[in-house]
Amino acid sequence: MSEPVIASMAEVRKHLADVIDRARREETPTIITRRGKSEAVLVDIDEYRRLREAAERYEDEWLNHLADQAESEGTEGSVSMEEMAALLRSAN
């Protein structure tokens, strides 16, 4: 993956097809800014899927580690995996 290009929202609007082509063909993401502040990133769909799968794998591994750790420490005051995942998601 190439270093990202930084472009304003106005630039991206004017050249959306080019921004998408750059992400897809050149594997170059575009950081989209609004009023000088980074707001979003446009990446190729395959890269998005890869990142999403990696994040889900990491989350599963981390939750499993927490569950193993809690199990080894006993169950008093513990919560279910579903409750823990909901708590973590709400914190973000």
PDB file of N, CA and C in Angstrom:
ATOM      1  N   MET A   1       0.840  -1.165   0.000  1.00  0.00           N
ATOM      2  CA  MET A   1       0.000   0.000   0.000  1.00  0.00           C
ATOM      3  C   MET A   1       0.889   1.233   0.000  1.00  0.00           C
ATOM      4  N   SER A   2       0.556   2.183  -0.812  1.00  0.00           N
ATOM      5  CA  SER A   2       1.313   3.432  -0.924  1.00  0.00           C
ATOM      6  C   SER A   2       0.954   4.377   0.207  1.00  0.00           C
ATOM      7  N   GLU A   3       1.793   5.386   0.388  1.00  0.00           N
ATOM      8  CA  GLU A   3       1.495   6.444   1.350  1.00  0.00           C
ATOM      9  C   GLU A   3       0.204   7.138   0.932  1.00  0.00           C
ATOM     10  N   PRO A   4      -0.628   7.506   1.895  1.00  0.00           N
ATOM     11  CA  PRO A   4      -1.903   8.122   1.538  1.00  0.00           C
ATOM     12  C   PRO A   4      -1.742   9.518   0.941  1.00  0.00           C
ATOM     13  N   VAL A   5      -2.695   9.862   0.111  1.00  0.00           N
ATOM     14  CA  VAL A   5      -2.807  11.208  -0.432  1.00  0.00           C
ATOM     15  C   VAL A   5      -3.780  11.945   0.475  1.00  0.00           C
ATOM     16  N   ILE A   6      -3.504  13.201   0.762  1.00  0.00           N
ATOM     17  CA  ILE A   6      -4.409  13.997   1.578  1.00  0.00           C
ATOM     18  C   ILE A   6      -5.124  14.977   0.652  1.00  0.00           C
ATOM     19  N   ALA A   7      -6.454  14.976   0.715  1.00  0.00           N
ATOM     20  CA  ALA A   7      -7.248  15.835  -0.162  1.00  0.00           C
ATOM     21  C   ALA A   7      -8.442  16.387   0.599  1.00  0.00           C
ATOM     22  N   SER A   8      -8.809  17.604   0.251  1.00  0.00           N
ATOM     23  CA  SER A   8      -9.977  18.211   0.889  1.00  0.00           C
ATOM     24  C   SER A   8     -11.248  17.590   0.333  1.00  0.00           C
ATOM     25  N   MET A   9     -12.324  17.759   1.061  1.00  0.00           N
ATOM     26  CA  MET A   9     -13.625  17.269   0.626  1.00  0.00           C
ATOM     27  C   MET A   9     -13.964  17.843  -0.751  1.00  0.00           C
ATOM     28  N   ALA A  10     -13.681  19.123  -0.958  1.00  0.00           N
ATOM     29  CA  ALA A  10     -13.980  19.765  -2.245  1.00  0.00           C
ATOM     30  C   ALA A  10     -13.181  19.110  -3.377  1.00  0.00           C
ATOM     31  N   GLU A  11     -11.903  18.825  -3.133  1.00  0.00           N
ATOM     32  CA  GLU A  11     -11.079  18.170  -4.157  1.00  0.00           C
ATOM     33  C   GLU A  11     -11.607  16.784  -4.471  1.00  0.00           C
ATOM     34  N   VAL A  12     -11.988  16.048  -3.438  1.00  0.00           N
ATOM     35  CA  VAL A  12     -12.501  14.694  -3.650  1.00  0.00           C
ATOM     36  C   VAL A  12     -13.799  14.737  -4.445  1.00  0.00           C
ATOM     37  N   ARG A  13     -14.671  15.686  -4.126  1.00  0.00           N
ATOM     38  CA  ARG A  13     -15.923  15.817  -4.886  1.00  0.00           C
ATOM     39  C   ARG A  13     -15.653  16.051  -6.370  1.00  0.00           C
ATOM     40  N   LYS A  14     -14.706  16.918  -6.652  1.00  0.00           N
ATOM     41  CA  LYS A  14     -14.393  17.252  -8.052  1.00  0.00           C
ATOM     42  C   LYS A  14     -13.785  16.083  -8.808  1.00  0.00           C
ATOM     43  N   HIS A  15     -13.052  15.232  -8.097  1.00  0.00           N
ATOM     44  CA  HIS A  15     -12.283  14.175  -8.755  1.00  0.00           C
ATOM     45  C   HIS A  15     -12.574  12.799  -8.159  1.00  0.00           C
ATOM     46  N   LEU A  16     -13.812  12.548  -7.804  1.00  0.00           N
ATOM     47  CA  LEU A  16     -14.157  11.311  -7.113  1.00  0.00           C
ATOM     48  C   LEU A  16     -13.746  10.063  -7.888  1.00  0.00           C
ATOM     49  N   ALA A  17     -14.021  10.031  -9.176  1.00  0.00           N
ATOM     50  CA  ALA A  17     -13.663   8.851  -9.974  1.00  0.00           C
ATOM     51  C   ALA A  17     -12.155   8.605  -9.931  1.00  0.00           C
ATOM     52  N   ASP A  18     -11.370   9.677 -10.019  1.00  0.00           N
ATOM     53  CA  ASP A  18      -9.910   9.536  -9.961  1.00  0.00           C
ATOM     54  C   ASP A  18      -9.446   9.043  -8.590  1.00  0.00           C
ATOM     55  N   VAL A  19     -10.077   9.535  -7.534  1.00  0.00           N
ATOM     56  CA  VAL A  19      -9.722   9.114  -6.174  1.00  0.00           C
ATOM     57  C   VAL A  19     -10.010   7.629  -5.996  1.00  0.00           C
ATOM     58  N   ILE A  20     -11.160   7.195  -6.495  1.00  0.00           N
ATOM     59  CA  ILE A  20     -11.518   5.771  -6.403  1.00  0.00           C
ATOM     60  C   ILE A  20     -10.563   4.929  -7.235  1.00  0.00           C
ATOM     61  N   ASP A  21     -10.261   5.372  -8.447  1.00  0.00           N
ATOM     62  CA  ASP A  21      -9.325   4.627  -9.300  1.00  0.00           C
ATOM     63  C   ASP A  21      -7.947   4.524  -8.643  1.00  0.00           C
ATOM     64  N   ARG A  22      -7.497   5.615  -8.029  1.00  0.00           N
ATOM     65  CA  ARG A  22      -6.184   5.599  -7.364  1.00  0.00           C
ATOM     66  C   ARG A  22      -6.182   4.584  -6.216  1.00  0.00           C
ATOM     67  N   ALA A  23      -7.266   4.537  -5.470  1.00  0.00           N
ATOM     68  CA  ALA A  23      -7.359   3.573  -4.366  1.00  0.00           C
ATOM     69  C   ALA A  23      -7.361   2.148  -4.894  1.00  0.00           C
ATOM     70  N   ARG A  24      -8.080   1.931  -5.962  1.00  0.00           N
ATOM     71  CA  ARG A  24      -8.235   0.565  -6.487  1.00  0.00           C
ATOM     72  C   ARG A  24      -7.007   0.115  -7.262  1.00  0.00           C
ATOM     73  N   ARG A  25      -6.566   0.903  -8.207  1.00  0.00           N
ATOM     74  CA  ARG A  25      -5.472   0.477  -9.104  1.00  0.00           C
ATOM     75  C   ARG A  25      -4.084   0.626  -8.486  1.00  0.00           C
ATOM     76  N   GLU A  26      -3.894   1.717  -7.745  1.00  0.00           N
ATOM     77  CA  GLU A  26      -2.564   2.009  -7.200  1.00  0.00           C
ATOM     78  C   GLU A  26      -2.443   1.652  -5.725  1.00  0.00           C
ATOM     79  N   GLU A  27      -3.563   1.167  -5.138  1.00  0.00           N
ATOM     80  CA  GLU A  27      -3.596   0.832  -3.715  1.00  0.00           C
ATOM     81  C   GLU A  27      -3.135   2.015  -2.863  1.00  0.00           C
ATOM     82  N   THR A  28      -3.591   3.223  -3.257  1.00  0.00           N
ATOM     83  CA  THR A  28      -3.244   4.437  -2.543  1.00  0.00           C
ATOM     84  C   THR A  28      -4.486   5.005  -1.873  1.00  0.00           C
ATOM     85  N   PRO A  29      -4.527   4.986  -0.558  1.00  0.00           N
ATOM     86  CA  PRO A  29      -5.682   5.556   0.136  1.00  0.00           C
ATOM     87  C   PRO A  29      -5.671   7.078   0.065  1.00  0.00           C
ATOM     88  N   THR A  30      -6.818   7.681   0.242  1.00  0.00           N
ATOM     89  CA  THR A  30      -6.939   9.132   0.296  1.00  0.00           C
ATOM     90  C   THR A  30      -7.549   9.521   1.630  1.00  0.00           C
ATOM     91  N   ILE A  31      -6.832  10.355   2.365  1.00  0.00           N
ATOM     92  CA  ILE A  31      -7.357  10.916   3.606  1.00  0.00           C
ATOM     93  C   ILE A  31      -8.140  12.162   3.215  1.00  0.00           C
ATOM     94  N   ILE A  32      -9.410  12.178   3.568  1.00  0.00           N
ATOM     95  CA  ILE A  32     -10.284  13.285   3.192  1.00  0.00           C
ATOM     96  C   ILE A  32     -10.379  14.244   4.375  1.00  0.00           C
ATOM     97  N   THR A  33     -10.111  15.516   4.089  1.00  0.00           N
ATOM     98  CA  THR A  33     -10.148  16.524   5.145  1.00  0.00           C
ATOM     99  C   THR A  33     -11.319  17.482   4.933  1.00  0.00           C
ATOM    100  N   ARG A  34     -11.753  18.053   6.046  1.00  0.00           N
ATOM    101  CA  ARG A  34     -12.773  19.101   6.008  1.00  0.00           C
ATOM    102  C   ARG A  34     -12.312  20.176   6.976  1.00  0.00           C
ATOM    103  N   ARG A  35     -12.161  21.377   6.449  1.00  0.00           N
ATOM    104  CA  ARG A  35     -11.648  22.507   7.238  1.00  0.00           C
ATOM    105  C   ARG A  35     -10.308  22.176   7.889  1.00  0.00           C
ATOM    106  N   GLY A  36      -9.483  21.442   7.150  1.00  0.00           N
ATOM    107  CA  GLY A  36      -8.145  21.097   7.617  1.00  0.00           C
ATOM    108  C   GLY A  36      -8.068  19.928   8.582  1.00  0.00           C
ATOM    109  N   LYS A  37      -9.211  19.343   8.905  1.00  0.00           N
ATOM    110  CA  LYS A  37      -9.235  18.231   9.857  1.00  0.00           C
ATOM    111  C   LYS A  37      -9.520  16.927   9.118  1.00  0.00           C
ATOM    112  N   SER A  38      -8.746  15.880   9.411  1.00  0.00           N
ATOM    113  CA  SER A  38      -8.972  14.574   8.798  1.00  0.00           C
ATOM    114  C   SER A  38     -10.331  14.047   9.220  1.00  0.00           C
ATOM    115  N   GLU A  39     -11.147  13.635   8.242  1.00  0.00           N
ATOM    116  CA  GLU A  39     -12.511  13.182   8.520  1.00  0.00           C
ATOM    117  C   GLU A  39     -12.756  11.728   8.133  1.00  0.00           C
ATOM    118  N   ALA A  40     -12.122  11.275   7.049  1.00  0.00           N
ATOM    119  CA  ALA A  40     -12.396   9.924   6.548  1.00  0.00           C
ATOM    120  C   ALA A  40     -11.232   9.485   5.682  1.00  0.00           C
ATOM    121  N   VAL A  41     -11.237   8.184   5.364  1.00  0.00           N
ATOM    122  CA  VAL A  41     -10.232   7.630   4.469  1.00  0.00           C
ATOM    123  C   VAL A  41     -10.939   6.802   3.412  1.00  0.00           C
ATOM    124  N   LEU A  42     -10.581   7.005   2.177  1.00  0.00           N
ATOM    125  CA  LEU A  42     -11.117   6.198   1.090  1.00  0.00           C
ATOM    126  C   LEU A  42     -10.056   5.177   0.707  1.00  0.00           C
ATOM    127  N   VAL A  43     -10.412   3.889   0.826  1.00  0.00           N
ATOM    128  CA  VAL A  43      -9.507   2.804   0.468  1.00  0.00           C
ATOM    129  C   VAL A  43     -10.217   1.857  -0.484  1.00  0.00           C
ATOM    130  N   ASP A  44      -9.444   1.047  -1.152  1.00  0.00           N
ATOM    131  CA  ASP A  44      -9.973   0.004  -2.030  1.00  0.00           C
ATOM    132  C   ASP A  44     -10.822  -0.964  -1.216  1.00  0.00           C
ATOM    133  N   ILE A  45     -11.863  -1.495  -1.814  1.00  0.00           N
ATOM    134  CA  ILE A  45     -12.786  -2.389  -1.110  1.00  0.00           C
ATOM    135  C   ILE A  45     -12.070  -3.635  -0.575  1.00  0.00           C
ATOM    136  N   ASP A  46     -11.113  -4.162  -1.309  1.00  0.00           N
ATOM    137  CA  ASP A  46     -10.379  -5.337  -0.822  1.00  0.00           C
ATOM    138  C   ASP A  46      -9.561  -4.999   0.420  1.00  0.00           C
ATOM    139  N   GLU A  47      -8.965  -3.816   0.446  1.00  0.00           N
ATOM    140  CA  GLU A  47      -8.211  -3.382   1.611  1.00  0.00           C
ATOM    141  C   GLU A  47      -9.147  -3.186   2.803  1.00  0.00           C
ATOM    142  N   TYR A  48     -10.311  -2.593   2.563  1.00  0.00           N
ATOM    143  CA  TYR A  48     -11.301  -2.430   3.628  1.00  0.00           C
ATOM    144  C   TYR A  48     -11.683  -3.784   4.213  1.00  0.00           C
ATOM    145  N   ARG A  49     -11.967  -4.743   3.347  1.00  0.00           N
ATOM    146  CA  ARG A  49     -12.353  -6.080   3.824  1.00  0.00           C
ATOM    147  C   ARG A  49     -11.226  -6.733   4.622  1.00  0.00           C
ATOM    148  N   ARG A  50      -9.980  -6.580   4.151  1.00  0.00           N
ATOM    149  CA  ARG A  50      -8.833  -7.143   4.852  1.00  0.00           C
ATOM    150  C   ARG A  50      -8.686  -6.511   6.230  1.00  0.00           C
ATOM    151  N   LEU A  51      -8.812  -5.195   6.298  1.00  0.00           N
ATOM    152  CA  LEU A  51      -8.703  -4.501   7.579  1.00  0.00           C
ATOM    153  C   LEU A  51      -9.832  -4.897   8.527  1.00  0.00           C
ATOM    154  N   ARG A  52     -11.019  -5.028   7.984  1.00  0.00           N
ATOM    155  CA  ARG A  52     -12.179  -5.413   8.792  1.00  0.00           C
ATOM    156  C   ARG A  52     -11.991  -6.819   9.373  1.00  0.00           C
ATOM    157  N   GLU A  53     -11.544  -7.753   8.540  1.00  0.00           N
ATOM    158  CA  GLU A  53     -11.309  -9.122   9.003  1.00  0.00           C
ATOM    159  C   GLU A  53     -10.215  -9.157  10.068  1.00  0.00           C
ATOM    160  N   ALA A  54      -9.151  -8.381   9.860  1.00  0.00           N
ATOM    161  CA  ALA A  54      -8.062  -8.338  10.835  1.00  0.00           C
ATOM    162  C   ALA A  54      -8.555  -7.777  12.169  1.00  0.00           C
ATOM    163  N   ALA A  55      -9.370  -6.736  12.119  1.00  0.00           N
ATOM    164  CA  ALA A  55      -9.908  -6.140  13.342  1.00  0.00           C
ATOM    165  C   ALA A  55     -10.814  -7.131  14.070  1.00  0.00           C
ATOM    166  N   GLU A  56     -11.636  -7.840  13.327  1.00  0.00           N
ATOM    167  CA  GLU A  56     -12.521  -8.821  13.944  1.00  0.00           C
ATOM    168  C   GLU A  56     -11.734  -9.971  14.560  1.00  0.00           C
ATOM    169  N   ARG A  57     -10.690 -10.429  13.853  1.00  0.00           N
ATOM    170  CA  ARG A  57      -9.832 -11.492  14.390  1.00  0.00           C
ATOM    171  C   ARG A  57      -9.157 -11.029  15.688  1.00  0.00           C
ATOM    172  N   TYR A  58      -8.625  -9.828  15.650  1.00  0.00           N
ATOM    173  CA  TYR A  58      -7.956  -9.283  16.827  1.00  0.00           C
ATOM    174  C   TYR A  58      -8.929  -9.160  17.997  1.00  0.00           C
ATOM    175  N   GLU A  59     -10.127  -8.656  17.714  1.00  0.00           N
ATOM    176  CA  GLU A  59     -11.126  -8.513  18.772  1.00  0.00           C
ATOM    177  C   GLU A  59     -11.483  -9.871  19.369  1.00  0.00           C
ATOM    178  N   ASP A  60     -11.680 -10.861  18.515  1.00  0.00           N
ATOM    179  CA  ASP A  60     -11.994 -12.209  18.998  1.00  0.00           C
ATOM    180  C   ASP A  60     -10.864 -12.762  19.858  1.00  0.00           C
ATOM    181  N   GLU A  61      -9.619 -12.600  19.395  1.00  0.00           N
ATOM    182  CA  GLU A  61      -8.472 -13.096  20.156  1.00  0.00           C
ATOM    183  C   GLU A  61      -8.372 -12.393  21.499  1.00  0.00           C
ATOM    184  N   TRP A  62      -8.586 -11.090  21.497  1.00  0.00           N
ATOM    185  CA  TRP A  62      -8.495 -10.310  22.724  1.00  0.00           C
ATOM    186  C   TRP A  62      -9.593 -10.717  23.702  1.00  0.00           C
ATOM    187  N   LEU A  63     -10.826 -10.853  23.210  1.00  0.00           N
ATOM    188  CA  LEU A  63     -11.929 -11.272  24.076  1.00  0.00           C
ATOM    189  C   LEU A  63     -11.700 -12.682  24.626  1.00  0.00           C
ATOM    190  N   ASN A  64     -11.167 -13.574  23.782  1.00  0.00           N
ATOM    191  CA  ASN A  64     -10.857 -14.919  24.256  1.00  0.00           C
ATOM    192  C   ASN A  64      -9.787 -14.886  25.340  1.00  0.00           C
ATOM    193  N   HIS A  65      -8.797 -14.028  25.151  1.00  0.00           N
ATOM    194  CA  HIS A  65      -7.753 -13.874  26.168  1.00  0.00           C
ATOM    195  C   HIS A  65      -8.355 -13.369  27.474  1.00  0.00           C
ATOM    196  N   LEU A  66      -9.223 -12.370  27.392  1.00  0.00           N
ATOM    197  CA  LEU A  66      -9.875 -11.858  28.595  1.00  0.00           C
ATOM    198  C   LEU A  66     -10.711 -12.933  29.279  1.00  0.00           C
ATOM    199  N   ALA A  67     -11.426 -13.717  28.472  1.00  0.00           N
ATOM    200  CA  ALA A  67     -12.250 -14.797  29.032  1.00  0.00           C
ATOM    201  C   ALA A  67     -11.373 -15.831  29.722  1.00  0.00           C
ATOM    202  N   ASP A  68     -10.263 -16.209  29.091  1.00  0.00           N
ATOM    203  CA  ASP A  68      -9.346 -17.177  29.699  1.00  0.00           C
ATOM    204  C   ASP A  68      -8.780 -16.633  31.005  1.00  0.00           C
ATOM    205  N   GLN A  69      -8.422 -15.372  30.981  1.00  0.00           N
ATOM    206  CA  GLN A  69      -7.867 -14.740  32.174  1.00  0.00           C
ATOM    207  C   GLN A  69      -8.911 -14.704  33.293  1.00  0.00           C
ATOM    208  N   ALA A  70     -10.135 -14.329  32.954  1.00  0.00           N
ATOM    209  CA  ALA A  70     -11.201 -14.282  33.956  1.00  0.00           C
ATOM    210  C   ALA A  70     -11.495 -15.673  34.501  1.00  0.00           C
ATOM    211  N   GLU A  71     -11.483 -16.668  33.622  1.00  0.00           N
ATOM    212  CA  GLU A  71     -11.751 -18.039  34.049  1.00  0.00           C
ATOM    213  C   GLU A  71     -10.688 -18.516  35.032  1.00  0.00           C
ATOM    214  N   SER A  72      -9.453 -18.151  34.768  1.00  0.00           N
ATOM    215  CA  SER A  72      -8.379 -18.579  35.662  1.00  0.00           C
ATOM    216  C   SER A  72      -8.433 -17.860  37.002  1.00  0.00           C
ATOM    217  N   GLU A  73      -9.067 -16.689  37.025  1.00  0.00           N
ATOM    218  CA  GLU A  73      -9.162 -15.909  38.262  1.00  0.00           C
ATOM    219  C   GLU A  73     -10.453 -16.191  39.023  1.00  0.00           C
ATOM    220  N   GLY A  74     -11.360 -16.964  38.434  1.00  0.00           N
ATOM    221  CA  GLY A  74     -12.648 -17.229  39.073  1.00  0.00           C
ATOM    222  C   GLY A  74     -13.750 -16.445  38.386  1.00  0.00           C
ATOM    223  N   THR A  75     -14.981 -16.734  38.731  1.00  0.00           N
ATOM    224  CA  THR A  75     -16.107 -16.141  38.014  1.00  0.00           C
ATOM    225  C   THR A  75     -16.846 -15.062  38.783  1.00  0.00           C
ATOM    226  N   GLU A  76     -16.466 -14.789  40.004  1.00  0.00           N
ATOM    227  CA  GLU A  76     -17.173 -13.790  40.789  1.00  0.00           C
ATOM    228  C   GLU A  76     -17.043 -12.406  40.150  1.00  0.00           C
ATOM    229  N   GLY A  77     -18.190 -11.756  39.912  1.00  0.00           N
ATOM    230  CA  GLY A  77     -18.196 -10.422  39.309  1.00  0.00           C
ATOM    231  C   GLY A  77     -17.957 -10.409  37.823  1.00  0.00           C
ATOM    232  N   SER A  78     -17.975 -11.571  37.179  1.00  0.00           N
ATOM    233  CA  SER A  78     -17.689 -11.622  35.748  1.00  0.00           C
ATOM    234  C   SER A  78     -18.945 -11.330  34.926  1.00  0.00           C
ATOM    235  N   VAL A  79     -18.730 -11.043  33.652  1.00  0.00           N
ATOM    236  CA  VAL A  79     -19.823 -10.814  32.713  1.00  0.00           C
ATOM    237  C   VAL A  79     -19.652 -11.767  31.541  1.00  0.00           C
ATOM    238  N   SER A  80     -20.722 -11.963  30.792  1.00  0.00           N
ATOM    239  CA  SER A  80     -20.652 -12.855  29.637  1.00  0.00           C
ATOM    240  C   SER A  80     -19.848 -12.203  28.514  1.00  0.00           C
ATOM    241  N   MET A  81     -19.425 -13.008  27.549  1.00  0.00           N
ATOM    242  CA  MET A  81     -18.705 -12.497  26.380  1.00  0.00           C
ATOM    243  C   MET A  81     -19.548 -11.467  25.643  1.00  0.00           C
ATOM    244  N   GLU A  82     -20.842 -11.735  25.520  1.00  0.00           N
ATOM    245  CA  GLU A  82     -21.728 -10.814  24.816  1.00  0.00           C
ATOM    246  C   GLU A  82     -21.807  -9.473  25.537  1.00  0.00           C
ATOM    247  N   GLU A  83     -21.900  -9.535  26.888  1.00  0.00           N
ATOM    248  CA  GLU A  83     -21.941  -8.295  27.668  1.00  0.00           C
ATOM    249  C   GLU A  83     -20.626  -7.520  27.537  1.00  0.00           C
ATOM    250  N   MET A  84     -19.528  -8.249  27.560  1.00  0.00           N
ATOM    251  CA  MET A  84     -18.218  -7.607  27.437  1.00  0.00           C
ATOM    252  C   MET A  84     -18.073  -6.947  26.073  1.00  0.00           C
ATOM    253  N   ALA A  85     -18.465  -7.644  25.022  1.00  0.00           N
ATOM    254  CA  ALA A  85     -18.367  -7.083  23.674  1.00  0.00           C
ATOM    255  C   ALA A  85     -19.235  -5.835  23.556  1.00  0.00           C
ATOM    256  N   ALA A  86     -20.439  -5.864  24.127  1.00  0.00           N
ATOM    257  CA  ALA A  86     -21.319  -4.699  24.088  1.00  0.00           C
ATOM    258  C   ALA A  86     -20.704  -3.530  24.846  1.00  0.00           C
ATOM    259  N   LEU A  87     -20.106  -3.809  25.994  1.00  0.00           N
ATOM    260  CA  LEU A  87     -19.451  -2.759  26.769  1.00  0.00           C
ATOM    261  C   LEU A  87     -18.283  -2.135  26.005  1.00  0.00           C
ATOM    262  N   LEU A  88     -17.495  -2.972  25.351  1.00  0.00           N
ATOM    263  CA  LEU A  88     -16.358  -2.476  24.577  1.00  0.00           C
ATOM    264  C   LEU A  88     -16.806  -1.638  23.398  1.00  0.00           C
ATOM    265  N   ARG A  89     -17.847  -2.083  22.719  1.00  0.00           N
ATOM    266  CA  ARG A  89     -18.350  -1.324  21.571  1.00  0.00           C
ATOM    267  C   ARG A  89     -18.937   0.011  22.002  1.00  0.00           C
ATOM    268  N   SER A  90     -19.614   0.037  23.123  1.00  0.00           N
ATOM    269  CA  SER A  90     -20.218   1.287  23.597  1.00  0.00           C
ATOM    270  C   SER A  90     -19.155   2.282  24.052  1.00  0.00           C
ATOM    271  N   ALA A  91     -17.983   1.789  24.463  1.00  0.00           N
ATOM    272  CA  ALA A  91     -16.898   2.663  24.893  1.00  0.00           C
ATOM    273  C   ALA A  91     -16.275   3.398  23.719  1.00  0.00           C
ATOM    274  N   ASN A  92     -16.387   2.837  22.532  1.00  0.00           N
ATOM    275  CA  ASN A  92     -15.812   3.472  21.339  1.00  0.00           C
ATOM    276  C   ASN A  92     -16.798   4.471  20.826  1.00  0.00           C
TER     277      ASN A  92
END
